[in-house]
């Protein structure tokens, strides 16, 4: 059995924004609010891209479709 863990994909705000997941502005606001899985090296923040994607997937699954009212 191979129990090796792959290292997390750490990316800067700009690199993640280039993927199209979120805008750079939204990422910076979330980072400032402490809502991103990130570590700092000096002033540069490195965000765990894999965890961010997983959290965004969880948000999508929590959103339910609105009920369409029947008017008849």
PDB file of N, CA and C in Angstrom:
ATOM      1  N   UNK A   1       0.841  -1.195   0.000  1.00  0.00           N
ATOM      2  CA  UNK A   1       0.000   0.000   0.000  1.00  0.00           C
ATOM      3  C   UNK A   1       0.872   1.239   0.000  1.00  0.00           C
ATOM      4  N   UNK A   2       0.413   2.205  -0.746  1.00  0.00           N
ATOM      5  CA  UNK A   2       1.171   3.446  -0.855  1.00  0.00           C
ATOM      6  C   UNK A   2       0.412   4.545  -0.120  1.00  0.00           C
ATOM      7  N   UNK A   3       0.869   4.889   1.081  1.00  0.00           N
ATOM      8  CA  UNK A   3       0.185   5.891   1.889  1.00  0.00           C
ATOM      9  C   UNK A   3       0.801   7.272   1.758  1.00  0.00           C
ATOM     10  N   UNK A   4       1.424   7.524   0.650  1.00  0.00           N
ATOM     11  CA  UNK A   4       2.041   8.836   0.460  1.00  0.00           C
ATOM     12  C   UNK A   4       0.977   9.888   0.229  1.00  0.00           C
ATOM     13  N   UNK A   5       1.157  11.000   0.881  1.00  0.00           N
ATOM     14  CA  UNK A   5       0.258  12.142   0.676  1.00  0.00           C
ATOM     15  C   UNK A   5       0.877  13.066  -0.333  1.00  0.00           C
ATOM     16  N   UNK A   6       0.047  13.601  -1.197  1.00  0.00           N
ATOM     17  CA  UNK A   6       0.583  14.585  -2.125  1.00  0.00           C
ATOM     18  C   UNK A   6       0.566  15.940  -1.435  1.00  0.00           C
ATOM     19  N   UNK A   7       1.579  16.739  -1.644  1.00  0.00           N
ATOM     20  CA  UNK A   7       1.616  18.052  -0.986  1.00  0.00           C
ATOM     21  C   UNK A   7       0.491  18.938  -1.517  1.00  0.00           C
ATOM     22  N   UNK A   8      -0.030  19.824  -0.671  1.00  0.00           N
ATOM     23  CA  UNK A   8      -1.120  20.687  -1.121  1.00  0.00           C
ATOM     24  C   UNK A   8      -0.651  21.655  -2.206  1.00  0.00           C
ATOM     25  N   UNK A   9      -1.565  22.013  -3.061  1.00  0.00           N
ATOM     26  CA  UNK A   9      -1.280  22.988  -4.105  1.00  0.00           C
ATOM     27  C   UNK A   9      -1.438  24.383  -3.510  1.00  0.00           C
ATOM     28  N   UNK A  10      -0.331  25.053  -3.287  1.00  0.00           N
ATOM     29  CA  UNK A  10      -0.368  26.385  -2.707  1.00  0.00           C
ATOM     30  C   UNK A  10      -0.187  27.411  -3.821  1.00  0.00           C
ATOM     31  N   UNK A  11      -1.091  28.385  -3.870  1.00  0.00           N
ATOM     32  CA  UNK A  11      -1.063  29.387  -4.933  1.00  0.00           C
ATOM     33  C   UNK A  11      -1.280  30.774  -4.351  1.00  0.00           C
ATOM     34  N   UNK A  12      -0.805  31.787  -5.080  1.00  0.00           N
ATOM     35  CA  UNK A  12      -1.031  33.173  -4.673  1.00  0.00           C
ATOM     36  C   UNK A  12      -2.432  33.591  -5.097  1.00  0.00           C
ATOM     37  N   UNK A  13      -2.867  34.724  -4.596  1.00  0.00           N
ATOM     38  CA  UNK A  13      -4.181  35.269  -4.955  1.00  0.00           C
ATOM     39  C   UNK A  13      -4.281  35.458  -6.464  1.00  0.00           C
ATOM     40  N   UNK A  14      -3.260  36.013  -7.048  1.00  0.00           N
ATOM     41  CA  UNK A  14      -3.272  36.291  -8.488  1.00  0.00           C
ATOM     42  C   UNK A  14      -3.351  35.002  -9.308  1.00  0.00           C
ATOM     43  N   UNK A  15      -2.624  33.978  -8.883  1.00  0.00           N
ATOM     44  CA  UNK A  15      -2.648  32.700  -9.601  1.00  0.00           C
ATOM     45  C   UNK A  15      -4.033  32.058  -9.547  1.00  0.00           C
ATOM     46  N   UNK A  16      -4.679  32.119  -8.388  1.00  0.00           N
ATOM     47  CA  UNK A  16      -6.024  31.554  -8.270  1.00  0.00           C
ATOM     48  C   UNK A  16      -7.009  32.359  -9.085  1.00  0.00           C
ATOM     49  N   UNK A  17      -6.867  33.679  -9.091  1.00  0.00           N
ATOM     50  CA  UNK A  17      -7.767  34.523  -9.879  1.00  0.00           C
ATOM     51  C   UNK A  17      -7.662  34.180 -11.368  1.00  0.00           C
ATOM     52  N   UNK A  18      -6.479  33.826 -11.824  1.00  0.00           N
ATOM     53  CA  UNK A  18      -6.286  33.454 -13.234  1.00  0.00           C
ATOM     54  C   UNK A  18      -7.014  32.161 -13.599  1.00  0.00           C
ATOM     55  N   UNK A  19      -7.295  31.305 -12.618  1.00  0.00           N
ATOM     56  CA  UNK A  19      -8.023  30.067 -12.903  1.00  0.00           C
ATOM     57  C   UNK A  19      -9.498  30.337 -13.164  1.00  0.00           C
ATOM     58  N   UNK A  20      -9.990  31.481 -12.711  1.00  0.00           N
ATOM     59  CA  UNK A  20     -11.390  31.832 -12.925  1.00  0.00           C
ATOM     60  C   UNK A  20     -12.320  31.379 -11.812  1.00  0.00           C
ATOM     61  N   UNK A  21     -11.771  30.845 -10.734  1.00  0.00           N
ATOM     62  CA  UNK A  21     -12.603  30.383  -9.625  1.00  0.00           C
ATOM     63  C   UNK A  21     -13.291  31.570  -8.963  1.00  0.00           C
ATOM     64  N   UNK A  22     -12.531  32.574  -8.607  1.00  0.00           N
ATOM     65  CA  UNK A  22     -13.038  33.814  -8.014  1.00  0.00           C
ATOM     66  C   UNK A  22     -12.196  34.969  -8.533  1.00  0.00           C
ATOM     67  N   UNK A  23     -12.726  36.174  -8.410  1.00  0.00           N
ATOM     68  CA  UNK A  23     -11.966  37.339  -8.836  1.00  0.00           C
ATOM     69  C   UNK A  23     -10.885  37.648  -7.805  1.00  0.00           C
ATOM     70  N   UNK A  24      -9.882  38.370  -8.244  1.00  0.00           N
ATOM     71  CA  UNK A  24      -8.793  38.758  -7.347  1.00  0.00           C
ATOM     72  C   UNK A  24      -9.330  39.592  -6.191  1.00  0.00           C
ATOM     73  N   UNK A  25     -10.258  40.475  -6.488  1.00  0.00           N
ATOM     74  CA  UNK A  25     -10.836  41.335  -5.452  1.00  0.00           C
ATOM     75  C   UNK A  25     -11.566  40.496  -4.397  1.00  0.00           C
ATOM     76  N   UNK A  26     -12.367  39.535  -4.840  1.00  0.00           N
ATOM     77  CA  UNK A  26     -13.109  38.684  -3.908  1.00  0.00           C
ATOM     78  C   UNK A  26     -12.151  37.862  -3.051  1.00  0.00           C
ATOM     79  N   UNK A  27     -11.105  37.350  -3.670  1.00  0.00           N
ATOM     80  CA  UNK A  27     -10.114  36.572  -2.927  1.00  0.00           C
ATOM     81  C   UNK A  27      -9.425  37.420  -1.868  1.00  0.00           C
ATOM     82  N   UNK A  28      -9.081  38.646  -2.228  1.00  0.00           N
ATOM     83  CA  UNK A  28      -8.398  39.525  -1.261  1.00  0.00           C
ATOM     84  C   UNK A  28      -9.321  39.893  -0.092  1.00  0.00           C
ATOM     85  N   UNK A  29     -10.606  40.108  -0.387  1.00  0.00           N
ATOM     86  CA  UNK A  29     -11.560  40.398   0.691  1.00  0.00           C
ATOM     87  C   UNK A  29     -11.704  39.197   1.625  1.00  0.00           C
ATOM     88  N   UNK A  30     -11.794  37.996   1.056  1.00  0.00           N
ATOM     89  CA  UNK A  30     -11.913  36.794   1.866  1.00  0.00           C
ATOM     90  C   UNK A  30     -10.648  36.557   2.685  1.00  0.00           C
ATOM     91  N   UNK A  31      -9.510  36.841   2.091  1.00  0.00           N
ATOM     92  CA  UNK A  31      -8.233  36.684   2.781  1.00  0.00           C
ATOM     93  C   UNK A  31      -8.153  37.634   3.972  1.00  0.00           C
ATOM     94  N   UNK A  32      -8.568  38.864   3.756  1.00  0.00           N
ATOM     95  CA  UNK A  32      -8.535  39.864   4.819  1.00  0.00           C
ATOM     96  C   UNK A  32      -9.480  39.482   5.962  1.00  0.00           C
ATOM     97  N   UNK A  33     -10.606  38.858   5.609  1.00  0.00           N
ATOM     98  CA  UNK A  33     -11.576  38.434   6.620  1.00  0.00           C
ATOM     99  C   UNK A  33     -11.173  37.128   7.300  1.00  0.00           C
ATOM    100  N   UNK A  34     -10.095  36.507   6.840  1.00  0.00           N
ATOM    101  CA  UNK A  34      -9.633  35.263   7.437  1.00  0.00           C
ATOM    102  C   UNK A  34     -10.435  34.043   7.016  1.00  0.00           C
ATOM    103  N   UNK A  35     -11.078  34.101   5.852  1.00  0.00           N
ATOM    104  CA  UNK A  35     -11.935  33.010   5.407  1.00  0.00           C
ATOM    105  C   UNK A  35     -11.292  32.109   4.361  1.00  0.00           C
ATOM    106  N   UNK A  36      -9.986  32.240   4.166  1.00  0.00           N
ATOM    107  CA  UNK A  36      -9.295  31.398   3.195  1.00  0.00           C
ATOM    108  C   UNK A  36      -8.256  30.539   3.908  1.00  0.00           C
ATOM    109  N   UNK A  37      -8.082  29.292   3.446  1.00  0.00           N
ATOM    110  CA  UNK A  37      -7.047  28.439   4.020  1.00  0.00           C
ATOM    111  C   UNK A  37      -5.676  28.872   3.495  1.00  0.00           C
ATOM    112  N   UNK A  38      -5.025  29.770   4.219  1.00  0.00           N
ATOM    113  CA  UNK A  38      -3.785  30.371   3.717  1.00  0.00           C
ATOM    114  C   UNK A  38      -2.714  30.421   4.797  1.00  0.00           C
ATOM    115  N   UNK A  39      -1.481  30.492   4.323  1.00  0.00           N
ATOM    116  CA  UNK A  39      -0.348  30.762   5.199  1.00  0.00           C
ATOM    117  C   UNK A  39       0.382  31.961   4.619  1.00  0.00           C
ATOM    118  N   UNK A  40       1.075  32.677   5.461  1.00  0.00           N
ATOM    119  CA  UNK A  40       1.806  33.862   5.023  1.00  0.00           C
ATOM    120  C   UNK A  40       3.293  33.596   5.066  1.00  0.00           C
ATOM    121  N   UNK A  41       3.961  34.042   4.029  1.00  0.00           N
ATOM    122  CA  UNK A  41       5.416  34.064   3.988  1.00  0.00           C
ATOM    123  C   UNK A  41       5.772  35.525   3.773  1.00  0.00           C
ATOM    124  N   UNK A  42       6.154  36.175   4.857  1.00  0.00           N
ATOM    125  CA  UNK A  42       6.317  37.624   4.798  1.00  0.00           C
ATOM    126  C   UNK A  42       4.943  38.251   4.613  1.00  0.00           C
ATOM    127  N   UNK A  43       4.788  39.065   3.588  1.00  0.00           N
ATOM    128  CA  UNK A  43       3.494  39.672   3.288  1.00  0.00           C
ATOM    129  C   UNK A  43       2.703  38.884   2.253  1.00  0.00           C
ATOM    130  N   UNK A  44       3.347  37.894   1.637  1.00  0.00           N
ATOM    131  CA  UNK A  44       2.691  37.121   0.588  1.00  0.00           C
ATOM    132  C   UNK A  44       1.861  35.993   1.195  1.00  0.00           C
ATOM    133  N   UNK A  45       0.615  35.902   0.749  1.00  0.00           N
ATOM    134  CA  UNK A  45      -0.262  34.830   1.205  1.00  0.00           C
ATOM    135  C   UNK A  45      -0.257  33.708   0.183  1.00  0.00           C
ATOM    136  N   UNK A  46      -0.093  32.491   0.678  1.00  0.00           N
ATOM    137  CA  UNK A  46      -0.208  31.311  -0.163  1.00  0.00           C
ATOM    138  C   UNK A  46      -1.461  30.561   0.278  1.00  0.00           C
ATOM    139  N   UNK A  47      -2.351  30.348  -0.668  1.00  0.00           N
ATOM    140  CA  UNK A  47      -3.651  29.760  -0.376  1.00  0.00           C
ATOM    141  C   UNK A  47      -3.652  28.303  -0.817  1.00  0.00           C
ATOM    142  N   UNK A  48      -4.211  27.446   0.021  1.00  0.00           N
ATOM    143  CA  UNK A  48      -4.337  26.037  -0.306  1.00  0.00           C
ATOM    144  C   UNK A  48      -5.483  25.904  -1.320  1.00  0.00           C
ATOM    145  N   UNK A  49      -5.133  25.763  -2.581  1.00  0.00           N
ATOM    146  CA  UNK A  49      -6.099  25.734  -3.673  1.00  0.00           C
ATOM    147  C   UNK A  49      -7.048  24.541  -3.564  1.00  0.00           C
ATOM    148  N   UNK A  50      -6.534  23.396  -3.159  1.00  0.00           N
ATOM    149  CA  UNK A  50      -7.366  22.199  -3.054  1.00  0.00           C
ATOM    150  C   UNK A  50      -8.464  22.376  -1.999  1.00  0.00           C
ATOM    151  N   UNK A  51      -8.095  22.923  -0.842  1.00  0.00           N
ATOM    152  CA  UNK A  51      -9.092  23.158   0.215  1.00  0.00           C
ATOM    153  C   UNK A  51     -10.096  24.232  -0.201  1.00  0.00           C
ATOM    154  N   UNK A  52      -9.631  25.262  -0.884  1.00  0.00           N
ATOM    155  CA  UNK A  52     -10.530  26.313  -1.353  1.00  0.00           C
ATOM    156  C   UNK A  52     -11.572  25.730  -2.291  1.00  0.00           C
ATOM    157  N   UNK A  53     -11.145  24.911  -3.245  1.00  0.00           N
ATOM    158  CA  UNK A  53     -12.084  24.290  -4.192  1.00  0.00           C
ATOM    159  C   UNK A  53     -13.075  23.391  -3.468  1.00  0.00           C
ATOM    160  N   UNK A  54     -12.603  22.653  -2.469  1.00  0.00           N
ATOM    161  CA  UNK A  54     -13.490  21.774  -1.701  1.00  0.00           C
ATOM    162  C   UNK A  54     -14.534  22.588  -0.944  1.00  0.00           C
ATOM    163  N   UNK A  55     -14.115  23.705  -0.345  1.00  0.00           N
ATOM    164  CA  UNK A  55     -15.048  24.558   0.386  1.00  0.00           C
ATOM    165  C   UNK A  55     -16.083  25.174  -0.560  1.00  0.00           C
ATOM    166  N   UNK A  56     -15.645  25.572  -1.747  1.00  0.00           N
ATOM    167  CA  UNK A  56     -16.585  26.136  -2.715  1.00  0.00           C
ATOM    168  C   UNK A  56     -17.572  25.075  -3.191  1.00  0.00           C
ATOM    169  N   UNK A  57     -17.128  23.836  -3.345  1.00  0.00           N
ATOM    170  CA  UNK A  57     -18.026  22.744  -3.721  1.00  0.00           C
ATOM    171  C   UNK A  57     -19.081  22.534  -2.637  1.00  0.00           C
ATOM    172  N   UNK A  58     -18.672  22.615  -1.368  1.00  0.00           N
ATOM    173  CA  UNK A  58     -19.619  22.459  -0.267  1.00  0.00           C
ATOM    174  C   UNK A  58     -20.655  23.573  -0.269  1.00  0.00           C
ATOM    175  N   UNK A  59     -20.229  24.784  -0.610  1.00  0.00           N
ATOM    176  CA  UNK A  59     -21.175  25.896  -0.683  1.00  0.00           C
ATOM    177  C   UNK A  59     -22.201  25.665  -1.778  1.00  0.00           C
ATOM    178  N   UNK A  60     -21.757  25.142  -2.922  1.00  0.00           N
ATOM    179  CA  UNK A  60     -22.674  24.873  -4.020  1.00  0.00           C
ATOM    180  C   UNK A  60     -23.687  23.819  -3.635  1.00  0.00           C
ATOM    181  N   UNK A  61     -23.294  22.804  -2.898  1.00  0.00           N
ATOM    182  CA  UNK A  61     -24.214  21.740  -2.532  1.00  0.00           C
ATOM    183  C   UNK A  61     -25.197  22.195  -1.457  1.00  0.00           C
ATOM    184  N   UNK A  62     -24.835  23.227  -0.679  1.00  0.00           N
ATOM    185  CA  UNK A  62     -25.728  23.740   0.354  1.00  0.00           C
ATOM    186  C   UNK A  62     -26.830  24.628  -0.209  1.00  0.00           C
ATOM    187  N   UNK A  63     -26.623  25.148  -1.392  1.00  0.00           N
ATOM    188  CA  UNK A  63     -27.606  26.048  -1.982  1.00  0.00           C
ATOM    189  C   UNK A  63     -28.707  25.207  -2.601  1.00  0.00           C
ATOM    190  N   UNK A  64     -29.915  25.424  -2.127  1.00  0.00           N
ATOM    191  CA  UNK A  64     -31.028  24.661  -2.684  1.00  0.00           C
ATOM    192  C   UNK A  64     -31.731  25.486  -3.754  1.00  0.00           C
ATOM    193  N   UNK A  65     -32.397  24.796  -4.641  1.00  0.00           N
ATOM    194  CA  UNK A  65     -33.129  25.485  -5.700  1.00  0.00           C
ATOM    195  C   UNK A  65     -34.374  26.126  -5.100  1.00  0.00           C
ATOM    196  N   UNK A  66     -34.673  27.362  -5.488  1.00  0.00           N
ATOM    197  CA  UNK A  66     -35.865  28.016  -4.943  1.00  0.00           C
ATOM    198  C   UNK A  66     -37.123  27.338  -5.470  1.00  0.00           C
ATOM    199  N   UNK A  67     -38.134  27.321  -4.634  1.00  0.00           N
ATOM    200  CA  UNK A  67     -39.395  26.730  -5.048  1.00  0.00           C
ATOM    201  C   UNK A  67     -40.091  27.669  -6.025  1.00  0.00           C
ATOM    202  N   UNK A  68     -40.661  27.083  -7.038  1.00  0.00           N
ATOM    203  CA  UNK A  68     -41.418  27.862  -8.018  1.00  0.00           C
ATOM    204  C   UNK A  68     -42.874  27.808  -7.590  1.00  0.00           C
ATOM    205  N   UNK A  69     -43.455  28.990  -7.278  1.00  0.00           N
ATOM    206  CA  UNK A  69     -44.846  28.982  -6.813  1.00  0.00           C
ATOM    207  C   UNK A  69     -45.803  28.633  -7.944  1.00  0.00           C
ATOM    208  N   UNK A  70     -46.836  27.920  -7.596  1.00  0.00           N
ATOM    209  CA  UNK A  70     -47.881  27.625  -8.583  1.00  0.00           C
ATOM    210  C   UNK A  70     -49.000  28.635  -8.370  1.00  0.00           C
ATOM    211  N   UNK A  71     -49.394  29.253  -9.411  1.00  0.00           N
ATOM    212  CA  UNK A  71     -50.383  30.323  -9.325  1.00  0.00           C
ATOM    213  C   UNK A  71     -51.771  29.891  -9.765  1.00  0.00           C
ATOM    214  N   UNK A  72     -52.019  28.646  -9.822  1.00  0.00           N
ATOM    215  CA  UNK A  72     -53.329  28.193 -10.259  1.00  0.00           C
ATOM    216  C   UNK A  72     -54.057  27.469  -9.173  1.00  0.00           C
TER     217      UNK A  72
END
